[in-house]
Amino acid sequence: MSFQFKVLEASEIHSIIPLIQKLTEHNFSDDILKERFTEMASQNYECAVVCDDEKLIGVTGMWFSTRHYAGKTVEIDHVYIDDGYRNKGLGKQFLSWIYEYVKAKGCNTVELNTYVQNYPSHKFYYNEGFEILGYHFLKKF
């Protein structure tokens, strides 16, 4: 299999919605996700994807910022590889590609959040050298 890794153009951002729908337990409508991703694409956000030929099989968002404790950093979120492509080393390849991409943009660190109950992801990220630094809290209004 020959996989391609790339950053989507903002005009292509809505192509990730089917994968995001598989990832999230919140089941947001396509219209809400289109609205949110359109807005995100106008901020410090980029979206990297994995393709198998023309088929979109993986995705992650990348938020670029500078933080007092990390310097220039990228926070990756909604990391998802389609079920049929898991446990074949593709996630590791994808992250390696992301590391090189963000280092070229001047980032010193990579950060991420993962759901508490997503144990397979915890093992994966530990094996990638990530450390737990804190808890992510959310308050809705």
Protein backbone atom coordinates (compact mmCIF):
# COMPACT_ATOMS: atom_id res chain seq x y z
CA MET A 1 0.00 0.00 0.00
CA SER A 2 1.21 3.47 -0.86
CA PHE A 3 0.02 6.17 1.51
CA GLN A 4 0.18 9.90 0.95
CA PHE A 5 0.41 12.44 3.78
CA LYS A 6 -0.55 16.03 3.11
CA VAL A 7 -2.03 19.20 4.53
CA LEU A 8 -5.43 20.05 3.12
CA GLU A 9 -6.18 23.37 1.52
CA ALA A 10 -8.82 25.31 3.48
CA SER A 11 -11.21 24.80 0.55
CA GLU A 12 -10.98 21.00 1.08
CA ILE A 13 -11.60 21.04 4.82
CA HIS A 14 -15.13 19.64 4.66
CA SER A 15 -13.84 16.39 3.13
CA ILE A 16 -12.81 15.24 6.63
CA ILE A 17 -16.32 15.34 8.08
CA PRO A 18 -17.14 11.64 7.46
CA LEU A 19 -14.03 10.61 9.41
CA ILE A 20 -14.74 13.12 12.18
CA GLN A 21 -18.27 11.71 12.47
CA LYS A 22 -16.74 8.26 13.10
CA LEU A 23 -14.39 9.65 15.73
CA THR A 24 -16.70 11.72 17.86
CA GLU A 25 -19.25 10.44 20.30
CA HIS A 26 -21.06 13.78 20.18
CA ASN A 27 -22.74 13.15 16.80
CA PHE A 28 -22.80 16.73 15.62
CA SER A 29 -24.68 17.34 12.38
CA ASP A 30 -22.72 17.79 9.17
CA ASP A 31 -23.97 21.40 9.03
CA ILE A 32 -22.57 22.22 12.48
CA LEU A 33 -19.25 20.58 11.61
CA LYS A 34 -19.08 22.44 8.29
CA GLU A 35 -19.65 25.73 10.09
CA ARG A 36 -17.06 24.97 12.77
CA PHE A 37 -14.38 23.68 10.40
CA THR A 38 -14.86 26.67 8.12
CA GLU A 39 -14.24 28.96 11.08
CA MET A 40 -11.31 26.86 12.33
CA ALA A 41 -9.66 27.03 8.89
CA SER A 42 -9.57 30.84 9.23
CA GLN A 43 -7.63 30.60 12.51
CA ASN A 44 -4.21 29.07 13.35
CA TYR A 45 -5.48 25.66 12.28
CA GLU A 46 -4.35 23.26 9.59
CA CYS A 47 -5.61 19.78 8.80
CA ALA A 48 -3.31 16.91 7.86
CA VAL A 49 -4.66 13.78 6.20
CA VAL A 50 -3.61 10.32 5.09
CA CYS A 51 -4.81 9.00 1.74
CA ASP A 52 -4.71 5.53 0.23
CA ASP A 53 -4.65 6.53 -3.42
CA GLU A 54 -7.62 8.94 -3.51
CA LYS A 55 -9.39 7.51 -0.44
CA LEU A 56 -9.20 9.63 2.73
CA ILE A 57 -8.32 7.23 5.58
CA GLY A 58 -6.76 9.38 8.31
CA VAL A 59 -6.97 12.87 9.74
CA THR A 60 -5.65 15.17 12.43
CA GLY A 61 -6.06 18.83 13.16
CA MET A 62 -3.06 21.00 14.02
CA TRP A 63 -3.35 24.16 16.12
CA PHE A 64 -0.24 26.35 16.03
CA SER A 65 0.58 28.68 18.93
CA THR A 66 3.30 29.89 21.25
CA ARG A 67 3.01 28.96 24.92
CA HIS A 68 5.05 30.17 27.86
CA TYR A 69 5.93 26.61 28.96
CA ALA A 70 6.60 25.11 25.51
CA GLY A 71 7.61 27.83 23.07
CA LYS A 72 6.28 27.45 19.55
CA THR A 73 4.07 24.37 19.62
CA VAL A 74 1.45 22.47 17.73
CA GLU A 75 -1.52 20.82 19.40
CA ILE A 76 -2.81 17.93 17.37
CA ASP A 77 -6.42 16.93 17.82
CA HIS A 78 -9.09 14.64 16.41
CA VAL A 79 -6.44 12.13 15.37
CA TYR A 80 -8.21 9.33 13.54
CA ILE A 81 -7.20 6.40 11.33
CA ASP A 82 -10.02 4.44 9.67
CA ASP A 83 -10.65 1.06 11.33
CA GLY A 84 -9.43 -1.09 8.43
CA TYR A 85 -6.02 0.61 8.46
CA ARG A 86 -5.22 0.37 12.17
CA ASN A 87 -2.53 -1.76 13.79
CA LYS A 88 -0.34 -1.66 10.68
CA GLY A 89 2.08 1.09 11.67
CA LEU A 90 0.22 3.82 9.78
CA GLY A 91 -0.39 5.96 12.89
CA LYS A 92 3.32 5.94 13.65
CA GLN A 93 4.14 6.88 10.03
CA PHE A 94 1.55 9.67 10.15
CA LEU A 95 2.95 11.13 13.36
CA SER A 96 6.53 10.91 12.01
CA TRP A 97 5.40 12.90 8.97
CA ILE A 98 3.64 15.43 11.24
CA TYR A 99 6.76 15.81 13.43
CA GLU A 100 8.88 16.67 10.40
CA TYR A 101 6.23 19.03 9.02
CA VAL A 102 5.80 21.00 12.27
CA LYS A 103 9.56 21.11 12.99
CA ALA A 104 10.00 22.71 9.56
CA LYS A 105 7.47 25.34 10.69
CA GLY A 106 9.59 26.06 13.79
CA CYS A 107 7.71 24.07 16.44
CA ASN A 108 9.62 22.85 19.50
CA THR A 109 6.88 20.63 20.91
CA VAL A 110 3.76 18.65 20.06
CA GLU A 111 0.80 18.51 22.44
CA LEU A 112 -2.47 16.60 22.37
CA ASN A 113 -5.54 15.62 24.34
CA THR A 114 -7.09 12.18 24.33
CA TYR A 115 -10.32 10.98 25.87
CA VAL A 116 -9.88 9.41 29.30
CA GLN A 117 -11.55 6.15 28.25
CA ASN A 118 -9.52 5.76 25.03
CA TYR A 119 -6.94 3.36 26.49
CA PRO A 120 -5.48 2.17 23.17
CA SER A 121 -4.56 5.76 22.31
CA HIS A 122 -2.87 6.23 25.69
CA LYS A 123 -0.56 3.28 25.05
CA PHE A 124 0.15 4.53 21.53
CA TYR A 125 1.07 8.05 22.71
CA TYR A 126 3.22 6.73 25.59
CA ASN A 127 5.11 4.66 23.02
CA GLU A 128 5.55 7.83 20.96
CA GLY A 129 7.26 9.53 23.92
CA PHE A 130 4.37 11.73 25.09
CA GLU A 131 4.01 12.45 28.82
CA ILE A 132 0.91 13.38 30.78
CA LEU A 133 1.33 16.93 32.10
CA GLY A 134 -2.17 17.66 33.36
CA TYR A 135 -5.89 17.33 32.85
CA HIS A 136 -7.98 19.04 30.21
CA PHE A 137 -11.10 20.66 31.65
CA LEU A 138 -14.13 21.95 29.73
CA LYS A 139 -17.05 24.06 30.90
CA LYS A 140 -19.99 24.61 28.57
CA PHE A 141 -22.15 27.73 28.69
